[in-house]
Amino acid sequence: MLKVAIYPGHVGKDSGAIDTTDEYAGDEFHAIEAVVTWGIADKVAGLLCCMGIDHTIGIGSFDNRIADTRDCTMGVSIHADSFHDRTAHGFHVIHYPGSVAGGLLADSIDECLSVFGHRNRKPHARRDLAILRDTSFPCALVECGFISNPEEEAVLMLRTKQYRLAWAIVGGIVRYVFGKEKP
């Protein structure tokens, strides 16, 4: 049975990264990571529902997220990056080191995302991320872009861009599950 856990980064826990508006640098927005990630996660859930793929959105404390998704078979955690260099841009996908399935899921999502955006770096492993370490199923963490970059922040707040990201994430999930050659 296929069931996808969707973890919108920082929703119900904390706000996550917050863009510091700098009106003198032309930054007109003040994005909050949790708002951006919820928008994308909600669209991923809607697309999975339309495809008849069972899913659960895990929010709240870390323990609640894990408990609410224990019957899932795979997961994706959705985030937005922030960096002191406001020119940093692009997406990247992370998996847990040693998780072959997690690496394959991350590669599939990365390939589908590359059609729609600029990659910050290739899929890579990190062992310090609890959502990847403490889940019992393959999981990938997607950093969808940088809210600290004024141009990218404006794009991440657009519903159309959130749908494009959601389509790419769902395409990666489908590609991973069903072994599709193309997104």
N, C-alpha and C. Protein backbone atom coordinates (compact mmCIF):
# COMPACT_ATOMS: atom_id res chain seq x y z
N MET A 1 0.84 -1.18 0.00
CA MET A 1 0.00 0.00 0.00
C MET A 1 0.89 1.25 0.00
N LEU A 2 0.62 2.15 -0.89
CA LEU A 2 1.36 3.40 -1.01
C LEU A 2 0.66 4.49 -0.20
N LYS A 3 1.41 5.13 0.67
CA LYS A 3 0.89 6.28 1.42
C LYS A 3 2.04 7.25 1.64
N VAL A 4 1.85 8.48 1.22
CA VAL A 4 2.90 9.50 1.24
C VAL A 4 2.71 10.44 2.43
N ALA A 5 3.77 10.62 3.21
CA ALA A 5 3.79 11.61 4.28
C ALA A 5 4.29 12.92 3.68
N ILE A 6 3.55 13.99 3.94
CA ILE A 6 3.95 15.33 3.49
C ILE A 6 4.22 16.15 4.74
N TYR A 7 5.43 16.68 4.84
CA TYR A 7 5.81 17.49 5.99
C TYR A 7 6.08 18.92 5.52
N PRO A 8 5.10 19.84 5.67
CA PRO A 8 5.39 21.23 5.33
C PRO A 8 6.29 21.82 6.41
N GLY A 9 7.45 22.27 6.01
CA GLY A 9 8.46 22.73 6.95
C GLY A 9 7.98 23.81 7.89
N HIS A 10 8.10 23.54 9.17
CA HIS A 10 7.87 24.49 10.26
C HIS A 10 6.41 24.84 10.53
N VAL A 11 5.48 24.27 9.79
CA VAL A 11 4.07 24.56 10.02
C VAL A 11 3.64 23.90 11.33
N GLY A 12 3.07 24.68 12.22
CA GLY A 12 2.59 24.18 13.49
C GLY A 12 3.67 24.05 14.54
N LYS A 13 4.91 24.34 14.17
CA LYS A 13 6.04 24.19 15.09
C LYS A 13 6.66 25.55 15.38
N ASP A 14 7.14 26.18 14.35
CA ASP A 14 7.71 27.52 14.42
C ASP A 14 7.60 28.11 13.02
N SER A 15 7.96 29.32 12.86
CA SER A 15 7.79 29.96 11.56
C SER A 15 8.86 29.57 10.55
N GLY A 16 9.97 29.00 11.01
CA GLY A 16 11.08 28.72 10.11
C GLY A 16 11.80 30.00 9.74
N ALA A 17 12.41 30.01 8.60
CA ALA A 17 13.15 31.19 8.14
C ALA A 17 12.19 32.34 7.87
N ILE A 18 12.63 33.53 8.19
CA ILE A 18 11.85 34.73 7.91
C ILE A 18 12.74 35.68 7.14
N ASP A 19 12.25 36.15 6.00
CA ASP A 19 13.01 37.11 5.21
C ASP A 19 13.02 38.44 5.95
N THR A 20 14.17 39.05 6.02
CA THR A 20 14.27 40.38 6.60
C THR A 20 14.12 41.38 5.47
N THR A 21 13.02 42.08 5.47
CA THR A 21 12.72 43.02 4.40
C THR A 21 13.74 44.15 4.41
N ASP A 22 14.26 44.45 3.24
CA ASP A 22 15.22 45.54 3.09
C ASP A 22 14.73 46.42 1.95
N GLU A 23 13.93 47.42 2.31
CA GLU A 23 13.31 48.25 1.28
C GLU A 23 14.35 48.98 0.43
N TYR A 24 15.54 49.19 0.98
CA TYR A 24 16.57 49.89 0.22
C TYR A 24 17.24 48.98 -0.80
N ALA A 25 17.09 47.67 -0.63
CA ALA A 25 17.65 46.72 -1.59
C ALA A 25 16.60 46.27 -2.59
N GLY A 26 15.41 46.88 -2.54
CA GLY A 26 14.36 46.54 -3.48
C GLY A 26 13.53 45.33 -3.05
N ASP A 27 13.66 44.92 -1.80
CA ASP A 27 12.91 43.77 -1.29
C ASP A 27 11.58 44.25 -0.74
N GLU A 28 10.49 43.95 -1.46
CA GLU A 28 9.18 44.43 -1.07
C GLU A 28 8.39 43.40 -0.26
N PHE A 29 8.92 42.21 -0.09
CA PHE A 29 8.19 41.14 0.58
C PHE A 29 8.79 40.84 1.94
N HIS A 30 8.07 40.09 2.71
CA HIS A 30 8.52 39.66 4.03
C HIS A 30 8.03 38.23 4.21
N ALA A 31 8.59 37.30 3.45
CA ALA A 31 8.12 35.92 3.42
C ALA A 31 8.46 35.18 4.71
N ILE A 32 7.57 34.29 5.08
CA ILE A 32 7.76 33.41 6.22
C ILE A 32 7.76 31.98 5.67
N GLU A 33 8.79 31.23 6.02
CA GLU A 33 8.96 29.88 5.47
C GLU A 33 7.72 29.02 5.64
N ALA A 34 7.10 29.03 6.81
CA ALA A 34 5.94 28.18 7.07
C ALA A 34 4.79 28.49 6.12
N VAL A 35 4.61 29.74 5.74
CA VAL A 35 3.54 30.12 4.82
C VAL A 35 3.83 29.56 3.43
N VAL A 36 5.06 29.71 2.98
CA VAL A 36 5.46 29.21 1.67
C VAL A 36 5.36 27.69 1.62
N THR A 37 5.87 27.02 2.64
CA THR A 37 5.88 25.55 2.62
C THR A 37 4.47 24.98 2.74
N TRP A 38 3.61 25.64 3.50
CA TRP A 38 2.22 25.17 3.58
C TRP A 38 1.54 25.29 2.22
N GLY A 39 1.77 26.39 1.52
CA GLY A 39 1.19 26.56 0.18
C GLY A 39 1.60 25.46 -0.77
N ILE A 40 2.87 25.11 -0.75
CA ILE A 40 3.36 24.05 -1.64
C ILE A 40 2.85 22.69 -1.19
N ALA A 41 2.91 22.41 0.11
CA ALA A 41 2.45 21.12 0.64
C ALA A 41 0.97 20.88 0.36
N ASP A 42 0.16 21.93 0.51
CA ASP A 42 -1.26 21.82 0.24
C ASP A 42 -1.52 21.46 -1.23
N LYS A 43 -0.73 22.03 -2.11
CA LYS A 43 -0.87 21.73 -3.53
C LYS A 43 -0.39 20.31 -3.85
N VAL A 44 0.69 19.85 -3.19
CA VAL A 44 1.15 18.46 -3.35
C VAL A 44 0.03 17.52 -2.92
N ALA A 45 -0.58 17.80 -1.76
CA ALA A 45 -1.67 16.95 -1.26
C ALA A 45 -2.83 16.91 -2.24
N GLY A 46 -3.19 18.05 -2.79
CA GLY A 46 -4.29 18.10 -3.76
C GLY A 46 -4.00 17.29 -5.01
N LEU A 47 -2.77 17.40 -5.50
CA LEU A 47 -2.39 16.63 -6.70
C LEU A 47 -2.38 15.13 -6.41
N LEU A 48 -1.84 14.74 -5.26
CA LEU A 48 -1.85 13.32 -4.89
C LEU A 48 -3.28 12.80 -4.78
N CYS A 49 -4.14 13.60 -4.20
CA CYS A 49 -5.56 13.22 -4.06
C CYS A 49 -6.19 13.01 -5.44
N CYS A 50 -5.94 13.92 -6.36
CA CYS A 50 -6.47 13.79 -7.73
C CYS A 50 -5.98 12.53 -8.42
N MET A 51 -4.78 12.09 -8.05
CA MET A 51 -4.20 10.89 -8.65
C MET A 51 -4.61 9.62 -7.91
N GLY A 52 -5.36 9.78 -6.83
CA GLY A 52 -5.79 8.62 -6.05
C GLY A 52 -4.70 8.04 -5.16
N ILE A 53 -3.69 8.85 -4.84
CA ILE A 53 -2.59 8.39 -3.99
C ILE A 53 -2.85 8.85 -2.56
N ASP A 54 -2.91 7.90 -1.65
CA ASP A 54 -3.17 8.19 -0.24
C ASP A 54 -2.01 8.99 0.35
N HIS A 55 -2.32 9.91 1.25
CA HIS A 55 -1.29 10.76 1.84
C HIS A 55 -1.76 11.28 3.20
N THR A 56 -0.82 11.76 3.97
CA THR A 56 -1.08 12.40 5.26
C THR A 56 -0.17 13.61 5.36
N ILE A 57 -0.72 14.72 5.86
CA ILE A 57 0.11 15.89 6.11
C ILE A 57 0.47 15.88 7.59
N GLY A 58 1.76 15.84 7.88
CA GLY A 58 2.24 15.83 9.25
C GLY A 58 2.62 17.22 9.70
N ILE A 59 1.91 17.72 10.72
CA ILE A 59 2.22 19.05 11.27
C ILE A 59 2.29 18.96 12.79
N GLY A 60 2.71 20.03 13.41
CA GLY A 60 2.80 20.07 14.86
C GLY A 60 4.19 19.72 15.34
N SER A 61 4.26 19.24 16.57
CA SER A 61 5.56 18.90 17.14
C SER A 61 6.18 17.74 16.36
N PHE A 62 7.47 17.59 16.51
CA PHE A 62 8.15 16.53 15.78
C PHE A 62 7.57 15.16 16.14
N ASP A 63 7.34 14.92 17.42
CA ASP A 63 6.76 13.63 17.84
C ASP A 63 5.40 13.39 17.22
N ASN A 64 4.57 14.44 17.14
CA ASN A 64 3.26 14.30 16.50
C ASN A 64 3.40 14.00 15.01
N ARG A 65 4.34 14.65 14.36
CA ARG A 65 4.54 14.40 12.93
C ARG A 65 4.90 12.93 12.69
N ILE A 66 5.79 12.41 13.50
CA ILE A 66 6.22 11.02 13.35
C ILE A 66 5.05 10.08 13.67
N ALA A 67 4.34 10.34 14.76
CA ALA A 67 3.22 9.48 15.16
C ALA A 67 2.11 9.50 14.11
N ASP A 68 1.81 10.67 13.56
CA ASP A 68 0.72 10.79 12.59
C ASP A 68 1.04 10.15 11.24
N THR A 69 2.30 9.88 10.98
CA THR A 69 2.69 9.35 9.67
C THR A 69 3.34 7.97 9.76
N ARG A 70 3.19 7.30 10.86
CA ARG A 70 3.88 6.00 11.04
C ARG A 70 3.42 4.93 10.06
N ASP A 71 2.21 5.07 9.49
CA ASP A 71 1.73 4.07 8.54
C ASP A 71 2.05 4.43 7.09
N CYS A 72 2.85 5.47 6.88
CA CYS A 72 3.21 5.88 5.52
C CYS A 72 4.35 5.01 4.98
N THR A 73 4.49 5.00 3.68
CA THR A 73 5.53 4.20 3.03
C THR A 73 6.65 5.05 2.45
N MET A 74 6.44 6.36 2.40
CA MET A 74 7.47 7.28 1.92
C MET A 74 7.08 8.68 2.35
N GLY A 75 8.06 9.60 2.30
CA GLY A 75 7.75 10.96 2.72
C GLY A 75 8.56 12.02 2.00
N VAL A 76 8.03 13.23 2.05
CA VAL A 76 8.72 14.39 1.51
C VAL A 76 8.51 15.57 2.47
N SER A 77 9.61 16.21 2.84
CA SER A 77 9.58 17.37 3.71
C SER A 77 9.89 18.59 2.85
N ILE A 78 9.03 19.60 2.93
CA ILE A 78 9.12 20.75 2.04
C ILE A 78 9.59 21.97 2.83
N HIS A 79 10.64 22.62 2.34
CA HIS A 79 11.24 23.76 3.04
C HIS A 79 11.60 24.87 2.06
N ALA A 80 11.95 26.02 2.61
CA ALA A 80 12.51 27.14 1.85
C ALA A 80 13.80 27.55 2.56
N ASP A 81 14.82 27.78 1.79
CA ASP A 81 16.14 28.10 2.33
C ASP A 81 16.27 29.59 2.65
N SER A 82 17.27 29.90 3.44
CA SER A 82 17.65 31.27 3.72
C SER A 82 19.17 31.29 3.94
N PHE A 83 19.81 32.37 3.50
CA PHE A 83 21.26 32.46 3.60
C PHE A 83 21.64 33.93 3.68
N HIS A 84 22.74 34.22 4.35
CA HIS A 84 23.16 35.61 4.50
C HIS A 84 23.52 36.26 3.17
N ASP A 85 23.96 35.49 2.20
CA ASP A 85 24.24 36.01 0.87
C ASP A 85 22.93 36.05 0.10
N ARG A 86 22.38 37.24 -0.11
CA ARG A 86 21.07 37.38 -0.72
C ARG A 86 21.04 37.01 -2.20
N THR A 87 22.20 36.66 -2.78
CA THR A 87 22.21 36.22 -4.17
C THR A 87 22.09 34.69 -4.28
N ALA A 88 22.17 33.98 -3.15
CA ALA A 88 22.02 32.52 -3.18
C ALA A 88 20.65 32.19 -3.74
N HIS A 89 20.58 31.19 -4.62
CA HIS A 89 19.31 30.84 -5.24
C HIS A 89 19.30 29.37 -5.65
N GLY A 90 18.13 28.90 -5.98
CA GLY A 90 17.97 27.54 -6.49
C GLY A 90 17.46 26.57 -5.45
N PHE A 91 17.07 25.40 -5.93
CA PHE A 91 16.56 24.35 -5.07
C PHE A 91 17.64 23.30 -4.84
N HIS A 92 17.43 22.45 -3.85
CA HIS A 92 18.22 21.24 -3.69
C HIS A 92 17.44 20.23 -2.85
N VAL A 93 17.80 18.97 -3.02
CA VAL A 93 17.08 17.87 -2.37
C VAL A 93 18.07 17.08 -1.52
N ILE A 94 17.63 16.72 -0.32
CA ILE A 94 18.49 16.06 0.66
C ILE A 94 17.88 14.72 1.06
N HIS A 95 18.72 13.74 1.32
CA HIS A 95 18.28 12.44 1.83
C HIS A 95 19.19 12.02 2.96
N TYR A 96 18.81 10.95 3.65
CA TYR A 96 19.62 10.45 4.75
C TYR A 96 20.75 9.58 4.21
N PRO A 97 21.98 9.74 4.72
CA PRO A 97 23.10 8.94 4.23
C PRO A 97 22.86 7.45 4.50
N GLY A 98 23.15 6.64 3.52
CA GLY A 98 22.99 5.20 3.66
C GLY A 98 21.61 4.70 3.30
N SER A 99 20.65 5.60 3.13
CA SER A 99 19.31 5.20 2.70
C SER A 99 19.29 5.17 1.17
N VAL A 100 19.44 3.99 0.63
CA VAL A 100 19.45 3.84 -0.84
C VAL A 100 18.11 4.31 -1.40
N ALA A 101 17.02 3.87 -0.78
CA ALA A 101 15.69 4.26 -1.26
C ALA A 101 15.49 5.77 -1.13
N GLY A 102 15.94 6.35 -0.02
CA GLY A 102 15.84 7.80 0.16
C GLY A 102 16.64 8.54 -0.90
N GLY A 103 17.80 8.01 -1.24
CA GLY A 103 18.62 8.61 -2.29
C GLY A 103 17.95 8.54 -3.65
N LEU A 104 17.31 7.41 -3.94
CA LEU A 104 16.59 7.27 -5.21
C LEU A 104 15.39 8.22 -5.28
N LEU A 105 14.68 8.35 -4.16
CA LEU A 105 13.55 9.30 -4.10
C LEU A 105 14.06 10.72 -4.32
N ALA A 106 15.14 11.09 -3.63
CA ALA A 106 15.73 12.43 -3.79
C ALA A 106 16.16 12.68 -5.23
N ASP A 107 16.79 11.69 -5.86
CA ASP A 107 17.20 11.82 -7.26
C ASP A 107 16.00 12.01 -8.18
N SER A 108 14.93 11.26 -7.94
CA SER A 108 13.73 11.36 -8.78
C SER A 108 13.09 12.74 -8.66
N ILE A 109 12.98 13.24 -7.44
CA ILE A 109 12.40 14.57 -7.23
C ILE A 109 13.31 15.64 -7.85
N ASP A 110 14.62 15.50 -7.66
CA ASP A 110 15.58 16.45 -8.22
C ASP A 110 15.47 16.52 -9.74
N GLU A 111 15.36 15.37 -10.39
CA GLU A 111 15.26 15.35 -11.85
C GLU A 111 14.01 16.06 -12.33
N CYS A 112 12.91 15.87 -11.62
CA CYS A 112 11.67 16.54 -12.02
C CYS A 112 11.72 18.04 -11.72
N LEU A 113 12.32 18.42 -10.61
CA LEU A 113 12.45 19.84 -10.28
C LEU A 113 13.37 20.57 -11.26
N SER A 114 14.37 19.88 -11.78
CA SER A 114 15.33 20.53 -12.67
C SER A 114 14.69 21.05 -13.95
N VAL A 115 13.53 20.52 -14.30
CA VAL A 115 12.80 20.99 -15.47
C VAL A 115 12.26 22.40 -15.22
N PHE A 116 11.96 22.73 -13.96
CA PHE A 116 11.29 23.98 -13.63
C PHE A 116 12.16 25.04 -12.98
N GLY A 117 13.35 24.70 -12.57
CA GLY A 117 14.12 25.70 -11.84
C GLY A 117 15.60 25.45 -11.90
N HIS A 118 16.32 26.31 -11.23
CA HIS A 118 17.77 26.22 -11.18
C HIS A 118 18.19 25.47 -9.92
N ARG A 119 19.03 24.49 -10.11
CA ARG A 119 19.52 23.68 -8.99
C ARG A 119 20.63 24.43 -8.28
N ASN A 120 20.53 24.48 -6.96
CA ASN A 120 21.58 25.08 -6.15
C ASN A 120 22.75 24.12 -6.03
N ARG A 121 22.43 22.85 -5.82
CA ARG A 121 23.43 21.78 -5.80
C ARG A 121 22.73 20.44 -6.00
N LYS A 122 23.49 19.45 -6.37
CA LYS A 122 22.93 18.12 -6.64
C LYS A 122 22.41 17.49 -5.35
N PRO A 123 21.53 16.46 -5.47
CA PRO A 123 21.05 15.78 -4.26
C PRO A 123 22.23 15.32 -3.40
N HIS A 124 22.06 15.47 -2.10
CA HIS A 124 23.14 15.10 -1.20
C HIS A 124 22.55 14.57 0.11
N ALA A 125 23.41 13.98 0.91
CA ALA A 125 22.98 13.36 2.17
C ALA A 125 23.40 14.22 3.36
N ARG A 126 22.53 14.22 4.37
CA ARG A 126 22.85 14.86 5.65
C ARG A 126 22.28 14.00 6.76
N ARG A 127 23.07 13.79 7.78
CA ARG A 127 22.61 12.95 8.88
C ARG A 127 22.06 13.75 10.05
N ASP A 128 22.16 15.08 10.01
CA ASP A 128 21.72 15.90 11.14
C ASP A 128 20.25 16.33 11.06
N LEU A 129 19.52 15.92 10.05
CA LEU A 129 18.12 16.33 9.91
C LEU A 129 17.21 15.24 10.46
N ALA A 130 16.54 15.54 11.56
CA ALA A 130 15.74 14.54 12.28
C ALA A 130 14.65 13.93 11.42
N ILE A 131 14.02 14.71 10.56
CA ILE A 131 12.93 14.18 9.75
C ILE A 131 13.42 13.08 8.80
N LEU A 132 14.66 13.16 8.38
CA LEU A 132 15.24 12.12 7.53
C LEU A 132 15.77 10.96 8.36
N ARG A 133 16.30 11.27 9.50
CA ARG A 133 16.92 10.27 10.36
C ARG A 133 15.89 9.42 11.10
N ASP A 134 14.80 10.03 11.54
CA ASP A 134 13.87 9.35 12.45
C ASP A 134 12.61 8.79 11.80
N THR A 135 12.50 8.89 10.50
CA THR A 135 11.37 8.25 9.82
C THR A 135 11.77 6.82 9.45
N SER A 136 10.78 5.95 9.40
CA SER A 136 11.07 4.53 9.12
C SER A 136 10.88 4.19 7.65
N PHE A 137 10.73 5.19 6.82
CA PHE A 137 10.51 4.98 5.38
C PHE A 137 11.40 5.94 4.60
N PRO A 138 11.58 5.71 3.30
CA PRO A 138 12.38 6.64 2.49
C PRO A 138 11.78 8.04 2.55
N CYS A 139 12.63 9.01 2.76
CA CYS A 139 12.15 10.39 2.88
C CYS A 139 13.17 11.32 2.22
N ALA A 140 12.66 12.36 1.58
CA ALA A 140 13.52 13.37 0.97
C ALA A 140 13.09 14.74 1.47
N LEU A 141 14.05 15.61 1.72
CA LEU A 141 13.77 16.97 2.12
C LEU A 141 14.07 17.88 0.93
N VAL A 142 13.08 18.68 0.54
CA VAL A 142 13.21 19.55 -0.63
C VAL A 142 13.31 21.00 -0.17
N GLU A 143 14.43 21.62 -0.43
CA GLU A 143 14.58 23.06 -0.23
C GLU A 143 14.18 23.70 -1.56
N CYS A 144 13.01 24.34 -1.59
CA CYS A 144 12.41 24.80 -2.85
C CYS A 144 13.01 26.08 -3.41
N GLY A 145 13.81 26.77 -2.64
CA GLY A 145 14.42 28.01 -3.09
C GLY A 145 14.77 28.86 -1.88
N PHE A 146 15.30 30.05 -2.13
CA PHE A 146 15.78 30.92 -1.06
C PHE A 146 14.85 32.12 -0.87
N ILE A 147 14.21 32.19 0.31
CA ILE A 147 13.39 33.36 0.59
C ILE A 147 14.24 34.57 0.96
N SER A 148 15.53 34.36 1.16
CA SER A 148 16.44 35.46 1.44
C SER A 148 16.89 36.16 0.15
N ASN A 149 16.60 35.58 -1.00
CA ASN A 149 16.88 36.18 -2.29
C ASN A 149 15.61 36.91 -2.74
N PRO A 150 15.63 38.24 -2.86
CA PRO A 150 14.40 38.98 -3.15
C PRO A 150 13.66 38.51 -4.41
N GLU A 151 14.39 38.19 -5.48
CA GLU A 151 13.73 37.75 -6.71
C GLU A 151 13.11 36.36 -6.52
N GLU A 152 13.84 35.47 -5.90
CA GLU A 152 13.33 34.11 -5.70
C GLU A 152 12.20 34.10 -4.67
N GLU A 153 12.31 34.93 -3.67
CA GLU A 153 11.25 35.04 -2.66
C GLU A 153 9.93 35.45 -3.31
N ALA A 154 9.97 36.44 -4.18
CA ALA A 154 8.76 36.90 -4.86
C ALA A 154 8.13 35.77 -5.68
N VAL A 155 8.97 34.98 -6.32
CA VAL A 155 8.48 33.87 -7.14
C VAL A 155 7.89 32.76 -6.25
N LEU A 156 8.56 32.45 -5.13
CA LEU A 156 8.08 31.39 -4.24
C LEU A 156 6.71 31.72 -3.64
N MET A 157 6.38 32.99 -3.57
CA MET A 157 5.10 33.38 -3.00
C MET A 157 3.96 33.32 -4.02
N LEU A 158 4.28 33.11 -5.28
CA LEU A 158 3.27 33.02 -6.33
C LEU A 158 2.61 31.65 -6.34
N ARG A 159 1.30 31.61 -6.40
CA ARG A 159 0.58 30.32 -6.45
C ARG A 159 1.01 29.51 -7.67
N THR A 160 1.22 30.18 -8.80
CA THR A 160 1.60 29.43 -10.01
C THR A 160 2.94 28.73 -9.82
N LYS A 161 3.90 29.39 -9.19
CA LYS A 161 5.20 28.76 -8.93
C LYS A 161 5.04 27.63 -7.91
N GLN A 162 4.20 27.83 -6.89
CA GLN A 162 3.96 26.77 -5.92
C GLN A 162 3.35 25.54 -6.59
N TYR A 163 2.44 25.76 -7.55
CA TYR A 163 1.88 24.62 -8.29
C TYR A 163 2.95 23.92 -9.13
N ARG A 164 3.82 24.70 -9.76
CA ARG A 164 4.89 24.09 -10.56
C ARG A 164 5.81 23.24 -9.68
N LEU A 165 6.16 23.77 -8.51
CA LEU A 165 6.98 23.00 -7.58
C LEU A 165 6.24 21.75 -7.12
N ALA A 166 4.95 21.89 -6.81
CA ALA A 166 4.14 20.74 -6.37
C ALA A 166 4.08 19.67 -7.46
N TRP A 167 3.87 20.09 -8.71
CA TRP A 167 3.84 19.14 -9.82
C TRP A 167 5.17 18.40 -9.94
N ALA A 168 6.25 19.12 -9.79
CA ALA A 168 7.57 18.49 -9.90
C ALA A 168 7.80 17.50 -8.75
N ILE A 169 7.41 17.87 -7.54
CA ILE A 169 7.56 16.98 -6.39
C ILE A 169 6.72 15.72 -6.58
N VAL A 170 5.48 15.90 -6.99
CA VAL A 170 4.59 14.75 -7.23
C VAL A 170 5.14 13.92 -8.39
N GLY A 171 5.64 14.58 -9.43
CA GLY A 171 6.25 13.85 -10.54
C GLY A 171 7.42 12.99 -10.08
N GLY A 172 8.22 13.53 -9.16
CA GLY A 172 9.34 12.76 -8.62
C GLY A 172 8.87 11.58 -7.80
N ILE A 173 7.80 11.77 -7.04
CA ILE A 173 7.23 10.67 -6.25
C ILE A 173 6.74 9.57 -7.19
N VAL A 174 6.00 9.95 -8.21
CA VAL A 174 5.46 8.97 -9.17
C VAL A 174 6.60 8.27 -9.89
N ARG A 175 7.58 9.03 -10.29
CA ARG A 175 8.74 8.44 -10.98
C ARG A 175 9.45 7.42 -10.08
N TYR A 176 9.62 7.76 -8.82
CA TYR A 176 10.26 6.85 -7.86
C TYR A 176 9.41 5.59 -7.66
N VAL A 177 8.12 5.76 -7.44
CA VAL A 177 7.24 4.62 -7.13
C VAL A 177 7.05 3.71 -8.32
N PHE A 178 6.80 4.30 -9.47
CA PHE A 178 6.45 3.51 -10.63
C PHE A 178 7.59 3.33 -11.63
N GLY A 179 8.74 3.90 -11.34
CA GLY A 179 9.90 3.71 -12.20
C GLY A 179 9.78 4.36 -13.55
N LYS A 180 9.10 5.49 -13.61
CA LYS A 180 8.94 6.19 -14.90
C LYS A 180 10.28 6.74 -15.35
N GLU A 181 10.50 6.73 -16.64
CA GLU A 181 11.74 7.26 -17.20
C GLU A 181 11.69 8.78 -17.34
N LYS A 182 10.52 9.32 -17.59
CA LYS A 182 10.38 10.78 -17.77
C LYS A 182 9.34 11.29 -16.79
N PRO A 183 9.51 12.56 -16.33
CA PRO A 183 8.51 13.15 -15.41
C PRO A 183 7.18 13.35 -16.09
